[in-house]
Amino acid sequence: MFRYRAAGLTIQSEIDFLQIDADPAPSAGPADVVFRQGALPADGPVLRLDTFGCAAIDARQVVVWLSEAAAPHAVGQAVAAAGLNGIAYRRGLLPLHAASVAIGTECVALCGETGSGKSTLAAALALAGHRLISDDLLVVHDTAAGPVAWPAASRPRLTREAIDLLEAPVRCLTTPLRRDGKAVVAVGADAAPGPRRLTAIYLLAWGDALGRRLISSGTRSSRPRA
């Protein structure tokens, strides 16, 4: 069993999630979420690929189906995000398809369609000295102080083209997947510890160097900050 801390939840898993840091201080108590192998349900939201799949069957459990042909590093990358996405919905949390970084004590989210550059921009910001919070999935908690984001999958997945664009040392932790050509990489400093107040969400689009600011909390300016 592996033990993780992600999205503000303790996770116990039979699957190795290379994108998520191990829980630095695992407790002996029950985990908030358990990823276990088993048969997929016949109905409801299910990730079903050729060699593996997963589904959140309630607010605490994600069942993972594996075939003998399933590649462990491919399973770990897909199941972590898909499983946490389902758990977030069942717990009344907000899952965003976004990469995010810590800017000072705050969190900035980068949204956009697949291929718009979310992970690449987050990696570039990490190389510039900011800490990554999440890649691909950001789980937001509603608190009395406002929306709060916890670190999740904090190692980005990049294509070879994106790595070349960064023009900086990037260490590949896996081989690229066949389905999208992306590999898990290590960039910048360690992931940001603890929660951050979510203060801005940017929507990225090709040809728009600054993106478009959708949500601004705590500022009256409608223009992105540097």
C-alpha atoms as a PDB file:
ATOM      1  CA  MET A   1       0.000   0.000   0.000  1.00  0.00           C
ATOM      2  CA  PHE A   2       1.109   3.549  -0.786  1.00  0.00           C
ATOM      3  CA  ARG A   3       0.158   6.526   1.365  1.00  0.00           C
ATOM      4  CA  TYR A   4      -0.277  10.026  -0.058  1.00  0.00           C
ATOM      5  CA  ARG A   5      -1.539  13.463   0.868  1.00  0.00           C
ATOM      6  CA  ALA A   6      -3.285  15.259  -2.012  1.00  0.00           C
ATOM      7  CA  ALA A   7      -6.110  17.748  -2.502  1.00  0.00           C
ATOM      8  CA  GLY A   8      -6.444  18.099   1.275  1.00  0.00           C
ATOM      9  CA  LEU A   9      -7.120  14.362   1.660  1.00  0.00           C
ATOM     10  CA  THR A  10      -5.120  11.401   2.935  1.00  0.00           C
ATOM     11  CA  ILE A  11      -5.007   8.627   0.346  1.00  0.00           C
ATOM     12  CA  GLN A  12      -4.223   4.935   0.688  1.00  0.00           C
ATOM     13  CA  SER A  13      -3.628   3.244  -2.649  1.00  0.00           C
ATOM     14  CA  GLU A  14      -2.671  -0.055  -4.214  1.00  0.00           C
ATOM     15  CA  ILE A  15      -1.501   2.006  -7.211  1.00  0.00           C
ATOM     16  CA  ASP A  16       1.776   3.956  -7.303  1.00  0.00           C
ATOM     17  CA  PHE A  17       1.090   7.606  -8.148  1.00  0.00           C
ATOM     18  CA  LEU A  18       4.394   9.027  -9.355  1.00  0.00           C
ATOM     19  CA  GLN A  19       2.911  12.506  -9.823  1.00  0.00           C
ATOM     20  CA  ILE A  20       1.953  12.809  -6.142  1.00  0.00           C
ATOM     21  CA  ASP A  21       4.382  13.154  -3.237  1.00  0.00           C
ATOM     22  CA  ALA A  22       4.197  10.493  -0.529  1.00  0.00           C
ATOM     23  CA  ASP A  23       2.577  11.599   2.744  1.00  0.00           C
ATOM     24  CA  PRO A  24       5.519  13.026   4.751  1.00  0.00           C
ATOM     25  CA  ALA A  25       3.897  12.148   8.081  1.00  0.00           C
ATOM     26  CA  PRO A  26       1.469   9.253   7.523  1.00  0.00           C
ATOM     27  CA  SER A  27      -0.870   8.511  10.416  1.00  0.00           C
ATOM     28  CA  ALA A  28      -2.012   5.119  11.599  1.00  0.00           C
ATOM     29  CA  GLY A  29      -5.660   6.100  11.272  1.00  0.00           C
ATOM     30  CA  PRO A  30      -7.997   5.371   8.347  1.00  0.00           C
ATOM     31  CA  ALA A  31      -7.409   7.264   5.123  1.00  0.00           C
ATOM     32  CA  ASP A  32      -9.955   9.701   3.696  1.00  0.00           C
ATOM     33  CA  VAL A  33      -9.819   7.937   0.321  1.00  0.00           C
ATOM     34  CA  VAL A  34      -8.856   4.381  -0.665  1.00  0.00           C
ATOM     35  CA  PHE A  35      -7.840   3.316  -4.193  1.00  0.00           C
ATOM     36  CA  ARG A  36      -8.281  -0.458  -4.491  1.00  0.00           C
ATOM     37  CA  GLN A  37      -8.322  -2.964  -7.337  1.00  0.00           C
ATOM     38  CA  GLY A  38     -11.648  -4.481  -8.321  1.00  0.00           C
ATOM     39  CA  ALA A  39     -14.362  -4.720 -10.986  1.00  0.00           C
ATOM     40  CA  LEU A  40     -15.737  -1.502 -12.464  1.00  0.00           C
ATOM     41  CA  PRO A  41     -19.418  -0.686 -11.846  1.00  0.00           C
ATOM     42  CA  ALA A  42     -21.844  -1.267 -14.706  1.00  0.00           C
ATOM     43  CA  ASP A  43     -23.164   2.297 -14.661  1.00  0.00           C
ATOM     44  CA  GLY A  44     -22.258   5.780 -13.472  1.00  0.00           C
ATOM     45  CA  PRO A  45     -19.183   7.888 -14.390  1.00  0.00           C
ATOM     46  CA  VAL A  46     -16.341   5.514 -15.277  1.00  0.00           C
ATOM     47  CA  LEU A  47     -12.903   5.985 -16.870  1.00  0.00           C
ATOM     48  CA  ARG A  48     -12.641   2.967 -19.168  1.00  0.00           C
ATOM     49  CA  LEU A  49      -9.553   2.561 -21.353  1.00  0.00           C
ATOM     50  CA  ASP A  50      -8.277  -0.496 -23.254  1.00  0.00           C
ATOM     51  CA  THR A  51      -6.139  -1.939 -20.475  1.00  0.00           C
ATOM     52  CA  PHE A  52      -7.387  -0.282 -17.278  1.00  0.00           C
ATOM     53  CA  GLY A  53     -10.121   1.890 -15.802  1.00  0.00           C
ATOM     54  CA  CYS A  54     -11.392   3.405 -12.571  1.00  0.00           C
ATOM     55  CA  ALA A  55     -14.486   4.831 -10.900  1.00  0.00           C
ATOM     56  CA  ALA A  56     -15.291   6.601  -7.630  1.00  0.00           C
ATOM     57  CA  ILE A  57     -17.991   4.390  -6.138  1.00  0.00           C
ATOM     58  CA  ASP A  58     -18.670   6.673  -3.162  1.00  0.00           C
ATOM     59  CA  ALA A  59     -17.022   9.588  -1.324  1.00  0.00           C
ATOM     60  CA  ARG A  60     -14.251   7.377   0.076  1.00  0.00           C
ATOM     61  CA  GLN A  61     -13.472   4.649  -2.458  1.00  0.00           C
ATOM     62  CA  VAL A  62     -12.050   4.458  -5.968  1.00  0.00           C
ATOM     63  CA  VAL A  63     -12.082   1.051  -7.634  1.00  0.00           C
ATOM     64  CA  VAL A  64      -9.380   0.368 -10.233  1.00  0.00           C
ATOM     65  CA  TRP A  65      -9.586  -2.339 -12.898  1.00  0.00           C
ATOM     66  CA  LEU A  66      -6.308  -3.548 -14.433  1.00  0.00           C
ATOM     67  CA  SER A  67      -5.632  -5.986 -17.247  1.00  0.00           C
ATOM     68  CA  GLU A  68      -2.394  -7.930 -17.554  1.00  0.00           C
ATOM     69  CA  ALA A  69      -1.324  -5.569 -20.363  1.00  0.00           C
ATOM     70  CA  ALA A  70      -1.704  -2.397 -18.258  1.00  0.00           C
ATOM     71  CA  ALA A  71       1.507  -0.344 -17.987  1.00  0.00           C
ATOM     72  CA  PRO A  72       2.009   0.732 -14.336  1.00  0.00           C
ATOM     73  CA  HIS A  73       3.237   4.248 -15.135  1.00  0.00           C
ATOM     74  CA  ALA A  74       0.298   4.855 -17.480  1.00  0.00           C
ATOM     75  CA  VAL A  75      -2.187   3.606 -14.876  1.00  0.00           C
ATOM     76  CA  GLY A  76      -0.749   5.803 -12.141  1.00  0.00           C
ATOM     77  CA  GLN A  77      -0.940   8.960 -14.239  1.00  0.00           C
ATOM     78  CA  ALA A  78      -4.538   8.517 -15.399  1.00  0.00           C
ATOM     79  CA  VAL A  79      -6.095   6.970 -12.304  1.00  0.00           C
ATOM     80  CA  ALA A  80      -4.870   9.593  -9.820  1.00  0.00           C
ATOM     81  CA  ALA A  81      -6.572  12.496 -11.635  1.00  0.00           C
ATOM     82  CA  ALA A  82      -9.708  10.610 -12.678  1.00  0.00           C
ATOM     83  CA  GLY A  83     -10.206   9.073  -9.244  1.00  0.00           C
ATOM     84  CA  LEU A  84      -9.708  12.334  -7.346  1.00  0.00           C
ATOM     85  CA  ASN A  85     -12.013  14.096  -9.790  1.00  0.00           C
ATOM     86  CA  GLY A  86     -14.805  11.644  -8.935  1.00  0.00           C
ATOM     87  CA  ILE A  87     -14.091  11.838  -5.203  1.00  0.00           C
ATOM     88  CA  ALA A  88     -14.219  15.653  -5.314  1.00  0.00           C
ATOM     89  CA  TYR A  89     -17.684  15.633  -6.910  1.00  0.00           C
ATOM     90  CA  ARG A  90     -18.981  13.131  -4.367  1.00  0.00           C
ATOM     91  CA  ARG A  91     -17.628  15.220  -1.480  1.00  0.00           C
ATOM     92  CA  GLY A  92     -19.106  18.475  -2.760  1.00  0.00           C
ATOM     93  CA  LEU A  93     -15.708  19.935  -3.669  1.00  0.00           C
ATOM     94  CA  LEU A  94     -14.878  21.735  -6.933  1.00  0.00           C
ATOM     95  CA  PRO A  95     -12.495  19.915  -9.309  1.00  0.00           C
ATOM     96  CA  LEU A  96     -10.981  22.147 -11.988  1.00  0.00           C
ATOM     97  CA  HIS A  97      -9.174  20.973 -15.126  1.00  0.00           C
ATOM     98  CA  ALA A  98      -6.233  23.221 -14.337  1.00  0.00           C
ATOM     99  CA  ALA A  99      -2.568  23.446 -13.499  1.00  0.00           C
ATOM    100  CA  SER A 100      -1.723  25.770 -10.608  1.00  0.00           C
ATOM    101  CA  VAL A 101       1.235  27.463  -8.950  1.00  0.00           C
ATOM    102  CA  ALA A 102       1.905  29.279  -5.692  1.00  0.00           C
ATOM    103  CA  ILE A 103       2.508  32.995  -6.186  1.00  0.00           C
ATOM    104  CA  GLY A 104       3.653  34.142  -2.763  1.00  0.00           C
ATOM    105  CA  THR A 105       1.041  32.869  -0.296  1.00  0.00           C
ATOM    106  CA  GLU A 106      -1.676  32.608  -2.957  1.00  0.00           C
ATOM    107  CA  CYS A 107      -2.675  30.103  -5.627  1.00  0.00           C
ATOM    108  CA  VAL A 108      -3.122  30.951  -9.310  1.00  0.00           C
ATOM    109  CA  ALA A 109      -4.907  28.436 -11.550  1.00  0.00           C
ATOM    110  CA  LEU A 110      -4.271  27.989 -15.286  1.00  0.00           C
ATOM    111  CA  CYS A 111      -7.274  26.596 -17.187  1.00  0.00           C
ATOM    112  CA  GLY A 112      -7.692  25.804 -20.859  1.00  0.00           C
ATOM    113  CA  GLU A 113      -8.425  23.118 -23.394  1.00  0.00           C
ATOM    114  CA  THR A 114      -6.104  20.154 -23.802  1.00  0.00           C
ATOM    115  CA  GLY A 115      -2.973  21.365 -25.567  1.00  0.00           C
ATOM    116  CA  SER A 116      -3.406  25.030 -24.618  1.00  0.00           C
ATOM    117  CA  GLY A 117      -0.205  25.027 -22.532  1.00  0.00           C
ATOM    118  CA  LYS A 118      -1.376  24.709 -18.906  1.00  0.00           C
ATOM    119  CA  SER A 119       1.355  22.315 -17.813  1.00  0.00           C
ATOM    120  CA  THR A 120       4.038  24.018 -19.906  1.00  0.00           C
ATOM    121  CA  LEU A 121       3.311  27.446 -18.425  1.00  0.00           C
ATOM    122  CA  ALA A 122       3.171  25.999 -14.895  1.00  0.00           C
ATOM    123  CA  ALA A 123       6.536  24.310 -15.466  1.00  0.00           C
ATOM    124  CA  ALA A 124       8.007  27.582 -16.774  1.00  0.00           C
ATOM    125  CA  LEU A 125       6.777  29.391 -13.652  1.00  0.00           C
ATOM    126  CA  ALA A 126       8.312  26.642 -11.498  1.00  0.00           C
ATOM    127  CA  LEU A 127      11.637  27.114 -13.268  1.00  0.00           C
ATOM    128  CA  ALA A 128      11.304  30.854 -12.563  1.00  0.00           C
ATOM    129  CA  GLY A 129      11.136  30.163  -8.825  1.00  0.00           C
ATOM    130  CA  HIS A 130       7.438  29.624  -8.100  1.00  0.00           C
ATOM    131  CA  ARG A 131       6.230  26.335  -6.607  1.00  0.00           C
ATOM    132  CA  LEU A 132       3.826  23.996  -8.347  1.00  0.00           C
ATOM    133  CA  ILE A 133       0.574  23.100  -6.607  1.00  0.00           C
ATOM    134  CA  SER A 134      -1.075  20.845  -9.167  1.00  0.00           C
ATOM    135  CA  ASP A 135      -0.972  19.627 -12.755  1.00  0.00           C
ATOM    136  CA  ASP A 136      -4.136  18.897 -14.755  1.00  0.00           C
ATOM    137  CA  LEU A 137      -6.481  18.650 -11.722  1.00  0.00           C
ATOM    138  CA  LEU A 138      -7.000  21.272  -9.018  1.00  0.00           C
ATOM    139  CA  VAL A 139      -9.434  20.463  -6.185  1.00  0.00           C
ATOM    140  CA  VAL A 140     -10.896  23.578  -4.561  1.00  0.00           C
ATOM    141  CA  HIS A 141     -12.349  23.623  -1.038  1.00  0.00           C
ATOM    142  CA  ASP A 142     -14.938  26.229  -0.029  1.00  0.00           C
ATOM    143  CA  THR A 143     -13.998  27.768   3.324  1.00  0.00           C
ATOM    144  CA  ALA A 144     -15.111  30.723   5.426  1.00  0.00           C
ATOM    145  CA  ALA A 145     -12.020  32.587   4.180  1.00  0.00           C
ATOM    146  CA  GLY A 146     -12.866  31.869   0.535  1.00  0.00           C
ATOM    147  CA  PRO A 147     -11.813  29.208  -2.021  1.00  0.00           C
ATOM    148  CA  VAL A 148      -8.724  27.249  -0.963  1.00  0.00           C
ATOM    149  CA  ALA A 149      -6.567  24.912  -3.068  1.00  0.00           C
ATOM    150  CA  TRP A 150      -4.444  22.084  -1.672  1.00  0.00           C
ATOM    151  CA  PRO A 151      -1.432  20.520  -3.423  1.00  0.00           C
ATOM    152  CA  ALA A 152      -2.342  17.519  -5.583  1.00  0.00           C
ATOM    153  CA  ALA A 153      -0.505  16.009  -8.569  1.00  0.00           C
ATOM    154  CA  SER A 154       2.462  18.360  -8.378  1.00  0.00           C
ATOM    155  CA  ARG A 155       4.761  16.916 -11.051  1.00  0.00           C
ATOM    156  CA  PRO A 156       3.768  18.099 -14.534  1.00  0.00           C
ATOM    157  CA  ARG A 157       3.318  15.895 -17.575  1.00  0.00           C
ATOM    158  CA  LEU A 158       4.981  17.358 -20.668  1.00  0.00           C
ATOM    159  CA  THR A 159       5.537  16.417 -24.287  1.00  0.00           C
ATOM    160  CA  ARG A 160       9.035  16.454 -25.767  1.00  0.00           C
ATOM    161  CA  GLU A 161       8.086  19.619 -27.686  1.00  0.00           C
ATOM    162  CA  ALA A 162       7.100  21.363 -24.433  1.00  0.00           C
ATOM    163  CA  ILE A 163      10.334  20.271 -22.743  1.00  0.00           C
ATOM    164  CA  ASP A 164      12.357  21.696 -25.632  1.00  0.00           C
ATOM    165  CA  LEU A 165      10.433  24.988 -25.410  1.00  0.00           C
ATOM    166  CA  LEU A 166      11.421  25.434 -21.767  1.00  0.00           C
ATOM    167  CA  GLU A 167      15.123  25.537 -22.689  1.00  0.00           C
ATOM    168  CA  ALA A 168      16.075  24.490 -19.148  1.00  0.00           C
ATOM    169  CA  PRO A 169      17.123  21.295 -17.361  1.00  0.00           C
ATOM    170  CA  VAL A 170      14.093  19.030 -17.031  1.00  0.00           C
ATOM    171  CA  ARG A 171      14.392  15.506 -15.610  1.00  0.00           C
ATOM    172  CA  CYS A 172      12.006  12.923 -17.086  1.00  0.00           C
ATOM    173  CA  LEU A 173      10.685  10.477 -14.486  1.00  0.00           C
ATOM    174  CA  THR A 174       8.782   8.249 -16.938  1.00  0.00           C
ATOM    175  CA  THR A 175       8.811   7.414 -20.612  1.00  0.00           C
ATOM    176  CA  PRO A 176       6.219   9.248 -22.776  1.00  0.00           C
ATOM    177  CA  LEU A 177       2.806   7.603 -22.988  1.00  0.00           C
ATOM    178  CA  ARG A 178       1.621   6.394 -26.384  1.00  0.00           C
ATOM    179  CA  ARG A 179      -1.783   8.050 -26.117  1.00  0.00           C
ATOM    180  CA  ASP A 180      -0.570  11.627 -25.613  1.00  0.00           C
ATOM    181  CA  GLY A 181       3.241  11.609 -25.847  1.00  0.00           C
ATOM    182  CA  LYS A 182       3.598  13.052 -22.329  1.00  0.00           C
ATOM    183  CA  ALA A 183       6.062  12.060 -19.600  1.00  0.00           C
ATOM    184  CA  VAL A 184       6.093  12.949 -15.901  1.00  0.00           C
ATOM    185  CA  VAL A 185       8.926  15.406 -15.250  1.00  0.00           C
ATOM    186  CA  ALA A 186      10.646  17.079 -12.287  1.00  0.00           C
ATOM    187  CA  VAL A 187      11.080  20.860 -12.528  1.00  0.00           C
ATOM    188  CA  GLY A 188      11.894  23.601 -10.070  1.00  0.00           C
ATOM    189  CA  ALA A 189      11.669  23.323  -6.291  1.00  0.00           C
ATOM    190  CA  ASP A 190       9.567  20.871  -4.307  1.00  0.00           C
ATOM    191  CA  ALA A 191       5.806  21.289  -4.400  1.00  0.00           C
ATOM    192  CA  ALA A 192       4.205  24.009  -2.292  1.00  0.00           C
ATOM    193  CA  PRO A 193       3.262  22.647   1.150  1.00  0.00           C
ATOM    194  CA  GLY A 194      -0.139  23.279   2.704  1.00  0.00           C
ATOM    195  CA  PRO A 195      -3.208  25.047   1.300  1.00  0.00           C
ATOM    196  CA  ARG A 196      -3.242  28.320  -0.609  1.00  0.00           C
ATOM    197  CA  ARG A 197      -6.080  30.792  -1.114  1.00  0.00           C
ATOM    198  CA  LEU A 198      -7.206  30.660  -4.742  1.00  0.00           C
ATOM    199  CA  THR A 199      -7.120  34.265  -5.925  1.00  0.00           C
ATOM    200  CA  ALA A 200      -7.065  34.041  -9.722  1.00  0.00           C
ATOM    201  CA  ILE A 201      -8.028  31.725 -12.572  1.00  0.00           C
ATOM    202  CA  TYR A 202      -6.641  32.315 -16.072  1.00  0.00           C
ATOM    203  CA  LEU A 203      -8.063  30.823 -19.257  1.00  0.00           C
ATOM    204  CA  LEU A 204      -5.273  30.090 -21.721  1.00  0.00           C
ATOM    205  CA  ALA A 205      -5.693  30.258 -25.483  1.00  0.00           C
ATOM    206  CA  TRP A 206      -3.237  29.933 -28.347  1.00  0.00           C
ATOM    207  CA  GLY A 207      -2.112  33.325 -29.618  1.00  0.00           C
ATOM    208  CA  ASP A 208      -3.051  35.121 -26.397  1.00  0.00           C
ATOM    209  CA  ALA A 209       0.207  35.582 -24.515  1.00  0.00           C
ATOM    210  CA  LEU A 210      -1.391  36.820 -21.284  1.00  0.00           C
ATOM    211  CA  GLY A 211      -4.532  34.708 -21.269  1.00  0.00           C
ATOM    212  CA  ARG A 212      -7.848  36.048 -20.020  1.00  0.00           C
ATOM    213  CA  ARG A 213      -8.499  36.581 -16.340  1.00  0.00           C
ATOM    214  CA  LEU A 214     -11.833  35.020 -15.362  1.00  0.00           C
ATOM    215  CA  ILE A 215     -11.881  35.357 -11.592  1.00  0.00           C
ATOM    216  CA  SER A 216     -10.185  37.949  -9.439  1.00  0.00           C
ATOM    217  CA  SER A 217     -10.394  37.874  -5.662  1.00  0.00           C
ATOM    218  CA  GLY A 218      -9.023  40.657  -3.559  1.00  0.00           C
ATOM    219  CA  THR A 219      -8.188  43.043  -6.422  1.00  0.00           C
ATOM    220  CA  ARG A 220     -10.164  45.500  -8.509  1.00  0.00           C
ATOM    221  CA  SER A 221      -7.893  45.314 -11.519  1.00  0.00           C
ATOM    222  CA  SER A 222      -9.137  43.336 -14.518  1.00  0.00           C
ATOM    223  CA  ARG A 223      -5.662  43.041 -16.007  1.00  0.00           C
ATOM    224  CA  PRO A 224      -3.362  40.114 -15.202  1.00  0.00           C
ATOM    225  CA  ARG A 225      -0.573  40.784 -12.765  1.00  0.00           C
ATOM    226  CA  ALA A 226       3.005  39.975 -13.738  1.00  0.00           C
END
